[in-house]
Amino acid sequence: MNVIWRTLLVMWRARRRVRREGRIAPTEVSRVRVTTLPTDLDILRHMNNGRYLSLFDLGRWDLLERTGMSEVMRRYGWYGVVAAETVTFRKSLELWQRFDIESRLLGHDDKTIYLEHRAVVDGEIYARAIIRSRMLKRAGGTLSHTELFAAVGRPEGLPEVEPWMKEWADASALPSTRAAAPSTWV
């Protein structure tokens, strides 16, 4: 709920852009202009590291709306959840600083979809996140890529996921929700 008003505004603006400009291809970069607000800051007066991930959600909503994916997801009762994410910081965002959230689809493996988000100021990357997202069905279960691509089509020119991303996904994975996952420290 911490960015609900921004989320609703981004979704509304994305829908207006689709009506005016048409949809973008799933492999295109979407951009959302954002301003660092006082509620985004930590005690050191720069954007809190956790807030980047919350604001990168805005980029995902823009991408989903502008590609038409959100419409298909609502129709079929599908939704995406973040399975894993990694973020790298380069420079701090300060109060009232305007920046763009750039988002794009990177590819997929057998279970997840990979996305990239960037916080960009005047063409310069301040932070970057790689997101692994799984698609689920409101009725229960995981949405297969076969079902997803049957409904929306497989994007043209979708690159293979880079090997390091697959290695990161394997190395950071937790046990399945059906398996035990005791919290024991070694």
Protein backbone atom coordinates (compact mmCIF):
# COMPACT_ATOMS: atom_id res chain seq x y z
CA MET A 1 0.00 0.00 0.00
CA ASN A 2 2.98 2.32 0.34
CA VAL A 3 2.82 3.45 -3.30
CA ILE A 4 -0.85 2.72 -4.08
CA TRP A 5 -1.67 6.25 -5.32
CA ARG A 6 1.39 6.30 -7.54
CA THR A 7 0.47 2.84 -8.87
CA LEU A 8 -3.08 3.92 -9.73
CA LEU A 9 -1.77 7.07 -11.41
CA VAL A 10 0.78 5.08 -13.46
CA MET A 11 -1.89 2.61 -14.56
CA TRP A 12 -4.28 5.43 -15.54
CA ARG A 13 -1.56 7.25 -17.51
CA ALA A 14 -0.45 4.03 -19.22
CA ARG A 15 -4.02 3.32 -20.36
CA ARG A 16 -4.29 6.87 -21.74
CA ARG A 17 -1.01 6.41 -23.62
CA VAL A 18 -2.27 3.15 -25.12
CA ARG A 19 -5.42 4.93 -26.36
CA ARG A 20 -3.35 7.77 -27.86
CA GLU A 21 -0.25 5.95 -29.11
CA GLY A 22 -1.19 2.27 -29.25
CA ARG A 23 0.47 -0.63 -27.51
CA ILE A 24 4.19 -1.20 -27.30
CA ALA A 25 5.84 -4.53 -28.08
CA PRO A 26 6.72 -6.67 -25.03
CA THR A 27 10.42 -6.31 -25.87
CA GLU A 28 10.31 -2.48 -25.95
CA VAL A 29 11.47 -0.33 -23.04
CA SER A 30 8.75 1.44 -21.07
CA ARG A 31 9.54 4.65 -19.21
CA VAL A 32 7.82 6.26 -16.24
CA ARG A 33 8.87 9.68 -14.88
CA VAL A 34 9.03 9.77 -11.07
CA THR A 35 10.09 12.31 -8.45
CA THR A 36 11.79 11.35 -5.19
CA LEU A 37 9.35 12.34 -2.44
CA PRO A 38 10.00 12.90 1.29
CA THR A 39 8.29 9.54 2.00
CA ASP A 40 10.92 7.80 -0.19
CA LEU A 41 13.86 8.95 1.94
CA ASP A 42 15.69 7.21 4.75
CA ILE A 43 17.44 8.78 7.73
CA LEU A 44 20.42 9.69 5.50
CA ARG A 45 18.11 11.83 3.31
CA HIS A 46 18.49 9.82 0.13
CA MET A 47 16.11 7.27 -1.36
CA ASN A 48 15.76 4.25 0.89
CA ASN A 49 17.19 1.10 -0.70
CA GLY A 50 13.90 -0.79 -0.24
CA ARG A 51 11.91 1.98 -1.92
CA TYR A 52 13.66 1.38 -5.24
CA LEU A 53 12.02 -2.04 -5.47
CA SER A 54 8.62 -0.57 -4.57
CA LEU A 55 8.99 2.09 -7.25
CA PHE A 56 10.22 -0.43 -9.81
CA ASP A 57 6.77 -2.01 -9.41
CA LEU A 58 5.48 1.14 -11.14
CA GLY A 59 7.61 0.26 -14.14
CA ARG A 60 6.13 -3.24 -14.23
CA TRP A 61 2.58 -1.86 -14.13
CA ASP A 62 3.37 0.55 -16.95
CA LEU A 63 4.90 -2.26 -19.02
CA LEU A 64 1.93 -4.58 -18.35
CA GLU A 65 -0.63 -1.93 -19.26
CA ARG A 66 1.16 -0.61 -22.35
CA THR A 67 1.84 -4.07 -23.81
CA GLY A 68 -1.76 -5.20 -23.22
CA MET A 69 -0.66 -7.96 -20.85
CA SER A 70 -2.70 -6.61 -17.93
CA GLU A 71 -5.90 -6.85 -19.98
CA VAL A 72 -5.20 -10.51 -20.81
CA MET A 73 -4.24 -11.25 -17.21
CA ARG A 74 -7.49 -9.76 -15.88
CA ARG A 75 -9.55 -11.66 -18.46
CA TYR A 76 -8.05 -15.05 -17.55
CA GLY A 77 -7.54 -14.45 -13.84
CA TRP A 78 -3.75 -14.55 -14.00
CA TYR A 79 -1.27 -12.55 -11.95
CA GLY A 80 2.47 -12.28 -11.55
CA VAL A 81 4.48 -12.57 -8.36
CA VAL A 82 8.12 -11.71 -7.81
CA ALA A 83 10.05 -14.94 -7.20
CA ALA A 84 13.46 -13.29 -6.78
CA GLU A 85 15.11 -9.94 -7.33
CA THR A 86 18.54 -8.44 -7.15
CA VAL A 87 19.35 -4.76 -7.18
CA THR A 88 22.60 -2.90 -7.70
CA PHE A 89 23.06 0.73 -6.63
CA ARG A 90 25.44 3.17 -8.28
CA LYS A 91 24.39 6.66 -7.18
CA SER A 92 21.91 8.02 -4.65
CA LEU A 93 18.64 9.68 -5.58
CA GLU A 94 18.03 12.85 -3.54
CA LEU A 95 14.86 14.63 -2.43
CA TRP A 96 12.77 16.07 -5.30
CA GLN A 97 15.11 14.55 -7.89
CA ARG A 98 13.28 13.53 -11.06
CA PHE A 99 14.22 10.23 -12.67
CA ASP A 100 12.89 7.70 -15.12
CA ILE A 101 12.09 4.11 -14.36
CA GLU A 102 12.97 2.13 -17.46
CA SER A 103 11.57 -1.39 -17.68
CA ARG A 104 11.87 -4.20 -20.19
CA LEU A 105 11.33 -7.90 -20.60
CA LEU A 106 14.65 -9.78 -20.71
CA GLY A 107 13.38 -13.28 -21.51
CA HIS A 108 12.21 -16.40 -19.77
CA ASP A 109 13.28 -19.84 -18.63
CA ASP A 110 11.05 -22.88 -18.12
CA LYS A 111 9.29 -21.40 -15.03
CA THR A 112 9.84 -17.67 -14.81
CA ILE A 113 9.94 -14.42 -16.72
CA TYR A 114 12.92 -12.09 -16.30
CA LEU A 115 12.60 -8.31 -16.30
CA GLU A 116 15.02 -5.45 -15.86
CA HIS A 117 14.30 -2.10 -14.22
CA ARG A 118 16.59 0.91 -14.14
CA ALA A 119 16.49 4.22 -12.27
CA VAL A 120 17.88 6.69 -14.81
CA VAL A 121 18.74 10.39 -14.47
CA ASP A 122 19.59 12.28 -17.67
CA GLY A 123 20.47 9.03 -19.44
CA GLU A 124 22.70 7.77 -16.60
CA ILE A 125 21.89 4.60 -14.64
CA TYR A 126 21.66 5.17 -10.87
CA ALA A 127 20.32 1.71 -9.95
CA ARG A 128 19.35 -1.50 -11.73
CA ALA A 129 17.24 -4.47 -10.68
CA ILE A 130 16.76 -7.89 -12.25
CA ILE A 131 13.43 -9.50 -11.41
CA ARG A 132 12.29 -13.12 -11.75
CA SER A 133 8.52 -13.31 -11.90
CA ARG A 134 6.23 -16.33 -11.87
CA MET A 135 2.77 -16.29 -13.36
CA LEU A 136 -0.03 -17.79 -11.28
CA LYS A 137 -3.74 -18.47 -11.75
CA ARG A 138 -6.32 -17.04 -9.34
CA ALA A 139 -8.08 -20.42 -9.59
CA GLY A 140 -4.87 -22.02 -8.29
CA GLY A 141 -1.66 -23.30 -9.77
CA THR A 142 1.14 -21.98 -11.92
CA LEU A 143 0.55 -20.60 -15.39
CA SER A 144 2.67 -22.40 -17.95
CA HIS A 145 4.49 -20.46 -20.64
CA THR A 146 2.57 -22.56 -23.17
CA GLU A 147 -0.73 -21.14 -21.86
CA LEU A 148 0.68 -17.63 -21.57
CA PHE A 149 2.11 -17.50 -25.08
CA ALA A 150 -1.04 -19.11 -26.52
CA ALA A 151 -3.03 -16.16 -25.13
CA VAL A 152 -0.64 -13.30 -25.89
CA GLY A 153 1.73 -14.69 -28.51
CA ARG A 154 5.43 -15.21 -28.00
CA PRO A 155 7.22 -11.87 -28.42
CA GLU A 156 9.38 -11.58 -31.52
CA GLY A 157 13.09 -11.13 -30.92
CA LEU A 158 12.98 -12.29 -27.31
CA PRO A 159 16.61 -12.95 -26.39
CA GLU A 160 17.85 -15.92 -24.41
CA VAL A 161 18.32 -15.26 -20.72
CA GLU A 162 22.00 -14.70 -19.98
CA PRO A 163 23.74 -17.65 -18.25
CA TRP A 164 24.59 -15.63 -15.13
CA MET A 165 20.88 -14.99 -14.56
CA LYS A 166 20.12 -18.70 -14.57
CA GLU A 167 23.06 -19.31 -12.20
CA TRP A 168 21.79 -16.55 -9.90
CA ALA A 169 18.28 -18.02 -10.00
CA ASP A 170 19.56 -21.49 -9.07
CA ALA A 171 21.93 -20.20 -6.37
CA SER A 172 19.32 -18.00 -4.68
CA ALA A 173 16.37 -20.43 -4.87
CA LEU A 174 14.57 -21.58 -1.74
CA PRO A 175 12.86 -24.97 -1.46
CA SER A 176 9.43 -25.43 -3.03
CA THR A 177 6.43 -24.41 -0.93
CA ARG A 178 5.64 -28.13 -0.63
CA ALA A 179 9.07 -28.92 0.85
CA ALA A 180 10.35 -28.20 4.33
CA ALA A 181 12.37 -25.01 4.74
CA PRO A 182 13.58 -24.91 8.35
CA SER A 183 15.39 -21.81 9.56
CA THR A 184 18.66 -23.24 10.78
CA TRP A 185 21.84 -21.20 10.79
CA VAL A 186 25.12 -22.90 10.02
